[in-house]
Amino acid sequence: MTTVADDGPARLSHEFLSPDQVADLLPGVNRNTLAMWRYEHKGPKYYKLGRKVVYALDELEAWIAASAAGAERD
């Protein structure tokens, strides 16, 4: 028999943001730009949960860091 310990409520491994929240964080980017990037398969990674589009905050930050202009490359 297997016993499952209950260590409290389950938690997601990401904090998710709506397109409006992402647009508020990124200067010069609005909701329409994010929609166009999704259509063109550009921009930060996103998830579709039913009809809702969300972005994981840590993945958004990684995308911003990877997009840095003038970054040193090995």
PDB file of N, CA and C in Angstrom:
ATOM      1  N   MET A   1       0.841  -1.175   0.000  1.00  0.00           N
ATOM      2  CA  MET A   1       0.000   0.000   0.000  1.00  0.00           C
ATOM      3  C   MET A   1       0.890   1.242   0.000  1.00  0.00           C
ATOM      4  N   THR A   2       0.530   2.250  -0.791  1.00  0.00           N
ATOM      5  CA  THR A   2       1.287   3.487  -0.891  1.00  0.00           C
ATOM      6  C   THR A   2       0.590   4.570  -0.088  1.00  0.00           C
ATOM      7  N   THR A   3       1.368   5.304   0.682  1.00  0.00           N
ATOM      8  CA  THR A   3       0.833   6.409   1.465  1.00  0.00           C
ATOM      9  C   THR A   3       1.332   7.713   0.868  1.00  0.00           C
ATOM     10  N   VAL A   4       0.437   8.661   0.691  1.00  0.00           N
ATOM     11  CA  VAL A   4       0.799   9.972   0.161  1.00  0.00           C
ATOM     12  C   VAL A   4       0.726  10.976   1.294  1.00  0.00           C
ATOM     13  N   ALA A   5       1.839  11.662   1.537  1.00  0.00           N
ATOM     14  CA  ALA A   5       1.865  12.675   2.596  1.00  0.00           C
ATOM     15  C   ALA A   5       1.270  13.972   2.076  1.00  0.00           C
ATOM     16  N   ASP A   6       0.466  14.613   2.860  1.00  0.00           N
ATOM     17  CA  ASP A   6      -0.122  15.903   2.491  1.00  0.00           C
ATOM     18  C   ASP A   6       0.700  16.997   3.156  1.00  0.00           C
ATOM     19  N   ASP A   7       1.516  17.668   2.347  1.00  0.00           N
ATOM     20  CA  ASP A   7       2.371  18.745   2.860  1.00  0.00           C
ATOM     21  C   ASP A   7       1.749  20.120   2.648  1.00  0.00           C
ATOM     22  N   GLY A   8       0.462  20.189   2.544  1.00  0.00           N
ATOM     23  CA  GLY A   8      -0.214  21.464   2.331  1.00  0.00           C
ATOM     24  C   GLY A   8      -0.721  21.566   0.904  1.00  0.00           C
ATOM     25  N   PRO A   9      -1.200  22.746   0.535  1.00  0.00           N
ATOM     26  CA  PRO A   9      -1.772  22.911  -0.803  1.00  0.00           C
ATOM     27  C   PRO A   9      -0.701  22.796  -1.887  1.00  0.00           C
ATOM     28  N   ALA A  10      -1.101  22.245  -3.022  1.00  0.00           N
ATOM     29  CA  ALA A  10      -0.192  22.136  -4.170  1.00  0.00           C
ATOM     30  C   ALA A  10       0.104  23.526  -4.706  1.00  0.00           C
ATOM     31  N   ARG A  11       1.308  23.705  -5.230  1.00  0.00           N
ATOM     32  CA  ARG A  11       1.714  24.986  -5.773  1.00  0.00           C
ATOM     33  C   ARG A  11       2.232  24.805  -7.194  1.00  0.00           C
ATOM     34  N   LEU A  12       1.991  25.795  -8.021  1.00  0.00           N
ATOM     35  CA  LEU A  12       2.553  25.800  -9.366  1.00  0.00           C
ATOM     36  C   LEU A  12       4.016  26.206  -9.291  1.00  0.00           C
ATOM     37  N   SER A  13       4.802  25.753 -10.253  1.00  0.00           N
ATOM     38  CA  SER A  13       6.224  26.085 -10.241  1.00  0.00           C
ATOM     39  C   SER A  13       6.504  27.432 -10.906  1.00  0.00           C
ATOM     40  N   HIS A  14       5.491  28.056 -11.498  1.00  0.00           N
ATOM     41  CA  HIS A  14       5.657  29.354 -12.156  1.00  0.00           C
ATOM     42  C   HIS A  14       4.639  30.354 -11.611  1.00  0.00           C
ATOM     43  N   GLU A  15       5.010  31.624 -11.665  1.00  0.00           N
ATOM     44  CA  GLU A  15       4.037  32.691 -11.470  1.00  0.00           C
ATOM     45  C   GLU A  15       3.642  33.143 -12.868  1.00  0.00           C
ATOM     46  N   PHE A  16       2.343  33.183 -13.156  1.00  0.00           N
ATOM     47  CA  PHE A  16       1.871  33.511 -14.489  1.00  0.00           C
ATOM     48  C   PHE A  16       1.340  34.934 -14.567  1.00  0.00           C
ATOM     49  N   LEU A  17       1.555  35.547 -15.737  1.00  0.00           N
ATOM     50  CA  LEU A  17       1.106  36.911 -16.000  1.00  0.00           C
ATOM     51  C   LEU A  17       0.205  36.925 -17.225  1.00  0.00           C
ATOM     52  N   SER A  18      -0.764  37.814 -17.219  1.00  0.00           N
ATOM     53  CA  SER A  18      -1.625  38.005 -18.381  1.00  0.00           C
ATOM     54  C   SER A  18      -0.884  38.858 -19.414  1.00  0.00           C
ATOM     55  N   PRO A  19      -1.363  38.874 -20.665  1.00  0.00           N
ATOM     56  CA  PRO A  19      -0.742  39.755 -21.660  1.00  0.00           C
ATOM     57  C   PRO A  19      -0.748  41.228 -21.231  1.00  0.00           C
ATOM     58  N   ASP A  20      -1.794  41.676 -20.552  1.00  0.00           N
ATOM     59  CA  ASP A  20      -1.830  43.071 -20.080  1.00  0.00           C
ATOM     60  C   ASP A  20      -0.727  43.325 -19.059  1.00  0.00           C
ATOM     61  N   GLN A  21      -0.495  42.369 -18.167  1.00  0.00           N
ATOM     62  CA  GLN A  21       0.567  42.527 -17.172  1.00  0.00           C
ATOM     63  C   GLN A  21       1.941  42.534 -17.833  1.00  0.00           C
ATOM     64  N   VAL A  22       2.132  41.682 -18.833  1.00  0.00           N
ATOM     65  CA  VAL A  22       3.415  41.656 -19.559  1.00  0.00           C
ATOM     66  C   VAL A  22       3.622  42.974 -20.289  1.00  0.00           C
ATOM     67  N   ALA A  23       2.574  43.479 -20.941  1.00  0.00           N
ATOM     68  CA  ALA A  23       2.678  44.751 -21.660  1.00  0.00           C
ATOM     69  C   ALA A  23       3.027  45.895 -20.702  1.00  0.00           C
ATOM     70  N   ASP A  24       2.522  45.849 -19.484  1.00  0.00           N
ATOM     71  CA  ASP A  24       2.847  46.876 -18.491  1.00  0.00           C
ATOM     72  C   ASP A  24       4.319  46.803 -18.071  1.00  0.00           C
ATOM     73  N   LEU A  25       4.909  45.611 -18.125  1.00  0.00           N
ATOM     74  CA  LEU A  25       6.305  45.435 -17.706  1.00  0.00           C
ATOM     75  C   LEU A  25       7.313  45.789 -18.789  1.00  0.00           C
ATOM     76  N   LEU A  26       6.925  45.630 -20.052  1.00  0.00           N
ATOM     77  CA  LEU A  26       7.864  45.827 -21.157  1.00  0.00           C
ATOM     78  C   LEU A  26       7.641  47.178 -21.826  1.00  0.00           C
ATOM     79  N   PRO A  27       8.606  48.082 -21.726  1.00  0.00           N
ATOM     80  CA  PRO A  27       8.446  49.404 -22.347  1.00  0.00           C
ATOM     81  C   PRO A  27       8.285  49.287 -23.864  1.00  0.00           C
ATOM     82  N   GLY A  28       7.328  49.994 -24.414  1.00  0.00           N
ATOM     83  CA  GLY A  28       7.119  50.015 -25.855  1.00  0.00           C
ATOM     84  C   GLY A  28       6.397  48.796 -26.410  1.00  0.00           C
ATOM     85  N   VAL A  29       5.954  47.899 -25.550  1.00  0.00           N
ATOM     86  CA  VAL A  29       5.233  46.705 -25.999  1.00  0.00           C
ATOM     87  C   VAL A  29       3.814  46.789 -25.463  1.00  0.00           C
ATOM     88  N   ASN A  30       2.847  46.609 -26.372  1.00  0.00           N
ATOM     89  CA  ASN A  30       1.458  46.617 -25.928  1.00  0.00           C
ATOM     90  C   ASN A  30       0.826  45.247 -26.183  1.00  0.00           C
ATOM     91  N   ARG A  31      -0.402  45.109 -25.809  1.00  0.00           N
ATOM     92  CA  ARG A  31      -1.122  43.829 -25.943  1.00  0.00           C
ATOM     93  C   ARG A  31      -1.180  43.382 -27.408  1.00  0.00           C
ATOM     94  N   ASN A  32      -1.358  44.326 -28.326  1.00  0.00           N
ATOM     95  CA  ASN A  32      -1.429  43.985 -29.750  1.00  0.00           C
ATOM     96  C   ASN A  32      -0.088  43.465 -30.270  1.00  0.00           C
ATOM     97  N   THR A  33       1.001  44.041 -29.788  1.00  0.00           N
ATOM     98  CA  THR A  33       2.328  43.564 -30.173  1.00  0.00           C
ATOM     99  C   THR A  33       2.522  42.125 -29.706  1.00  0.00           C
ATOM    100  N   LEU A  34       2.139  41.839 -28.476  1.00  0.00           N
ATOM    101  CA  LEU A  34       2.254  40.474 -27.964  1.00  0.00           C
ATOM    102  C   LEU A  34       1.415  39.508 -28.808  1.00  0.00           C
ATOM    103  N   ALA A  35       0.221  39.925 -29.200  1.00  0.00           N
ATOM    104  CA  ALA A  35      -0.636  39.072 -30.041  1.00  0.00           C
ATOM    105  C   ALA A  35       0.021  38.818 -31.394  1.00  0.00           C
ATOM    106  N   MET A  36       0.635  39.837 -31.980  1.00  0.00           N
ATOM    107  CA  MET A  36       1.314  39.678 -33.266  1.00  0.00           C
ATOM    108  C   MET A  36       2.511  38.741 -33.125  1.00  0.00           C
ATOM    109  N   TRP A  37       3.279  38.898 -32.055  1.00  0.00           N
ATOM    110  CA  TRP A  37       4.413  38.003 -31.819  1.00  0.00           C
ATOM    111  C   TRP A  37       3.944  36.561 -31.698  1.00  0.00           C
ATOM    112  N   ARG A  38       2.827  36.331 -31.007  1.00  0.00           N
ATOM    113  CA  ARG A  38       2.313  34.967 -30.893  1.00  0.00           C
ATOM    114  C   ARG A  38       1.945  34.423 -32.265  1.00  0.00           C
ATOM    115  N   TYR A  39       1.297  35.242 -33.078  1.00  0.00           N
ATOM    116  CA  TYR A  39       0.894  34.843 -34.426  1.00  0.00           C
ATOM    117  C   TYR A  39       2.111  34.519 -35.288  1.00  0.00           C
ATOM    118  N   GLU A  40       3.161  35.315 -35.142  1.00  0.00           N
ATOM    119  CA  GLU A  40       4.389  35.143 -35.938  1.00  0.00           C
ATOM    120  C   GLU A  40       5.377  34.167 -35.297  1.00  0.00           C
ATOM    121  N   HIS A  41       5.001  33.561 -34.175  1.00  0.00           N
ATOM    122  CA  HIS A  41       5.881  32.636 -33.435  1.00  0.00           C
ATOM    123  C   HIS A  41       7.177  33.317 -33.027  1.00  0.00           C
ATOM    124  N   LYS A  42       7.067  34.546 -32.557  1.00  0.00           N
ATOM    125  CA  LYS A  42       8.189  35.330 -32.043  1.00  0.00           C
ATOM    126  C   LYS A  42       7.906  35.660 -30.586  1.00  0.00           C
ATOM    127  N   GLY A  43       8.851  36.348 -29.973  1.00  0.00           N
ATOM    128  CA  GLY A  43       8.616  36.857 -28.626  1.00  0.00           C
ATOM    129  C   GLY A  43       8.744  35.798 -27.554  1.00  0.00           C
ATOM    130  N   PRO A  44       8.326  36.152 -26.349  1.00  0.00           N
ATOM    131  CA  PRO A  44       8.482  35.237 -25.212  1.00  0.00           C
ATOM    132  C   PRO A  44       7.541  34.036 -25.316  1.00  0.00           C
ATOM    133  N   LYS A  45       7.963  32.950 -24.685  1.00  0.00           N
ATOM    134  CA  LYS A  45       7.154  31.732 -24.627  1.00  0.00           C
ATOM    135  C   LYS A  45       5.855  32.034 -23.882  1.00  0.00           C
ATOM    136  N   TYR A  46       4.752  31.445 -24.347  1.00  0.00           N
ATOM    137  CA  TYR A  46       3.458  31.645 -23.695  1.00  0.00           C
ATOM    138  C   TYR A  46       2.729  30.321 -23.610  1.00  0.00           C
ATOM    139  N   TYR A  47       1.682  30.305 -22.822  1.00  0.00           N
ATOM    140  CA  TYR A  47       0.855  29.120 -22.640  1.00  0.00           C
ATOM    141  C   TYR A  47      -0.596  29.485 -22.934  1.00  0.00           C
ATOM    142  N   LYS A  48      -1.336  28.563 -23.529  1.00  0.00           N
ATOM    143  CA  LYS A  48      -2.771  28.738 -23.724  1.00  0.00           C
ATOM    144  C   LYS A  48      -3.468  27.795 -22.768  1.00  0.00           C
ATOM    145  N   LEU A  49      -4.230  28.348 -21.870  1.00  0.00           N
ATOM    146  CA  LEU A  49      -5.030  27.579 -20.922  1.00  0.00           C
ATOM    147  C   LEU A  49      -6.484  27.787 -21.312  1.00  0.00           C
ATOM    148  N   GLY A  50      -6.999  26.889 -22.123  1.00  0.00           N
ATOM    149  CA  GLY A  50      -8.315  27.116 -22.704  1.00  0.00           C
ATOM    150  C   GLY A  50      -8.200  28.272 -23.683  1.00  0.00           C
ATOM    151  N   ARG A  51      -8.962  29.339 -23.435  1.00  0.00           N
ATOM    152  CA  ARG A  51      -8.885  30.526 -24.284  1.00  0.00           C
ATOM    153  C   ARG A  51      -7.978  31.601 -23.703  1.00  0.00           C
ATOM    154  N   LYS A  52      -7.441  31.360 -22.524  1.00  0.00           N
ATOM    155  CA  LYS A  52      -6.580  32.329 -21.845  1.00  0.00           C
ATOM    156  C   LYS A  52      -5.132  32.143 -22.272  1.00  0.00           C
ATOM    157  N   VAL A  53      -4.452  33.264 -22.468  1.00  0.00           N
ATOM    158  CA  VAL A  53      -3.021  33.276 -22.768  1.00  0.00           C
ATOM    159  C   VAL A  53      -2.310  33.792 -21.525  1.00  0.00           C
ATOM    160  N   VAL A  54      -1.272  33.083 -21.110  1.00  0.00           N
ATOM    161  CA  VAL A  54      -0.483  33.504 -19.958  1.00  0.00           C
ATOM    162  C   VAL A  54       1.002  33.320 -20.263  1.00  0.00           C
ATOM    163  N   TYR A  55       1.807  34.070 -19.529  1.00  0.00           N
ATOM    164  CA  TYR A  55       3.264  34.019 -19.645  1.00  0.00           C
ATOM    165  C   TYR A  55       3.829  33.702 -18.269  1.00  0.00           C
ATOM    166  N   ALA A  56       4.816  32.798 -18.218  1.00  0.00           N
ATOM    167  CA  ALA A  56       5.493  32.487 -16.959  1.00  0.00           C
ATOM    168  C   ALA A  56       6.528  33.580 -16.709  1.00  0.00           C
ATOM    169  N   LEU A  57       6.493  34.177 -15.532  1.00  0.00           N
ATOM    170  CA  LEU A  57       7.370  35.294 -15.206  1.00  0.00           C
ATOM    171  C   LEU A  57       8.840  34.917 -15.352  1.00  0.00           C
ATOM    172  N   ASP A  58       9.253  33.768 -14.847  1.00  0.00           N
ATOM    173  CA  ASP A  58      10.669  33.389 -14.937  1.00  0.00           C
ATOM    174  C   ASP A  58      11.101  33.174 -16.386  1.00  0.00           C
ATOM    175  N   GLU A  59      10.225  32.653 -17.231  1.00  0.00           N
ATOM    176  CA  GLU A  59      10.554  32.463 -18.643  1.00  0.00           C
ATOM    177  C   GLU A  59      10.582  33.800 -19.383  1.00  0.00           C
ATOM    178  N   LEU A  60       9.732  34.724 -18.988  1.00  0.00           N
ATOM    179  CA  LEU A  60       9.758  36.067 -19.558  1.00  0.00           C
ATOM    180  C   LEU A  60      11.082  36.756 -19.233  1.00  0.00           C
ATOM    181  N   GLU A  61      11.526  36.639 -17.981  1.00  0.00           N
ATOM    182  CA  GLU A  61      12.797  37.235 -17.572  1.00  0.00           C
ATOM    183  C   GLU A  61      13.962  36.598 -18.330  1.00  0.00           C
ATOM    184  N   ALA A  62      13.919  35.288 -18.549  1.00  0.00           N
ATOM    185  CA  ALA A  62      14.971  34.604 -19.304  1.00  0.00           C
ATOM    186  C   ALA A  62      14.982  35.077 -20.757  1.00  0.00           C
ATOM    187  N   TRP A  63      13.809  35.281 -21.346  1.00  0.00           N
ATOM    188  CA  TRP A  63      13.712  35.769 -22.725  1.00  0.00           C
ATOM    189  C   TRP A  63      14.300  37.178 -22.832  1.00  0.00           C
ATOM    190  N   ILE A  64      14.008  38.017 -21.857  1.00  0.00           N
ATOM    191  CA  ILE A  64      14.558  39.380 -21.852  1.00  0.00           C
ATOM    192  C   ILE A  64      16.079  39.318 -21.765  1.00  0.00           C
ATOM    193  N   ALA A  65      16.609  38.494 -20.874  1.00  0.00           N
ATOM    194  CA  ALA A  65      18.066  38.377 -20.711  1.00  0.00           C
ATOM    195  C   ALA A  65      18.714  37.864 -21.995  1.00  0.00           C
ATOM    196  N   ALA A  66      18.071  36.906 -22.669  1.00  0.00           N
ATOM    197  CA  ALA A  66      18.615  36.346 -23.910  1.00  0.00           C
ATOM    198  C   ALA A  66      18.542  37.351 -25.051  1.00  0.00           C
ATOM    199  N   SER A  67      17.654  38.328 -24.954  1.00  0.00           N
ATOM    200  CA  SER A  67      17.476  39.315 -26.007  1.00  0.00           C
ATOM    201  C   SER A  67      18.355  40.546 -25.831  1.00  0.00           C
ATOM    202  N   ALA A  68      19.204  40.554 -24.805  1.00  0.00           N
ATOM    203  CA  ALA A  68      20.022  41.726 -24.510  1.00  0.00           C
ATOM    204  C   ALA A  68      20.955  42.050 -25.669  1.00  0.00           C
ATOM    205  N   ALA A  69      20.903  43.299 -26.118  1.00  0.00           N
ATOM    206  CA  ALA A  69      21.799  43.770 -27.195  1.00  0.00           C
ATOM    207  C   ALA A  69      23.165  44.021 -26.629  1.00  0.00           C
ATOM    208  N   GLY A  70      24.191  43.667 -27.360  1.00  0.00           N
ATOM    209  CA  GLY A  70      25.545  43.934 -26.932  1.00  0.00           C
ATOM    210  C   GLY A  70      26.047  42.993 -25.854  1.00  0.00           C
ATOM    211  N   ALA A  71      25.304  41.924 -25.600  1.00  0.00           N
ATOM    212  CA  ALA A  71      25.744  40.975 -24.578  1.00  0.00           C
ATOM    213  C   ALA A  71      26.973  40.230 -25.089  1.00  0.00           C
ATOM    214  N   GLU A  72      27.890  39.961 -24.177  1.00  0.00           N
ATOM    215  CA  GLU A  72      29.090  39.215 -24.553  1.00  0.00           C
ATOM    216  C   GLU A  72      28.694  37.808 -24.886  1.00  0.00           C
ATOM    217  N   ARG A  73      29.289  37.273 -25.927  1.00  0.00           N
ATOM    218  CA  ARG A  73      29.006  35.911 -26.351  1.00  0.00           C
ATOM    219  C   ARG A  73      30.299  35.126 -26.373  1.00  0.00           C
ATOM    220  N   ASP A  74      30.225  33.885 -25.913  1.00  0.00           N
ATOM    221  CA  ASP A  74      31.410  33.026 -25.889  1.00  0.00           C
ATOM    222  C   ASP A  74      31.628  32.349 -27.213  1.00  0.00           C
TER     223      ASP A  74
END
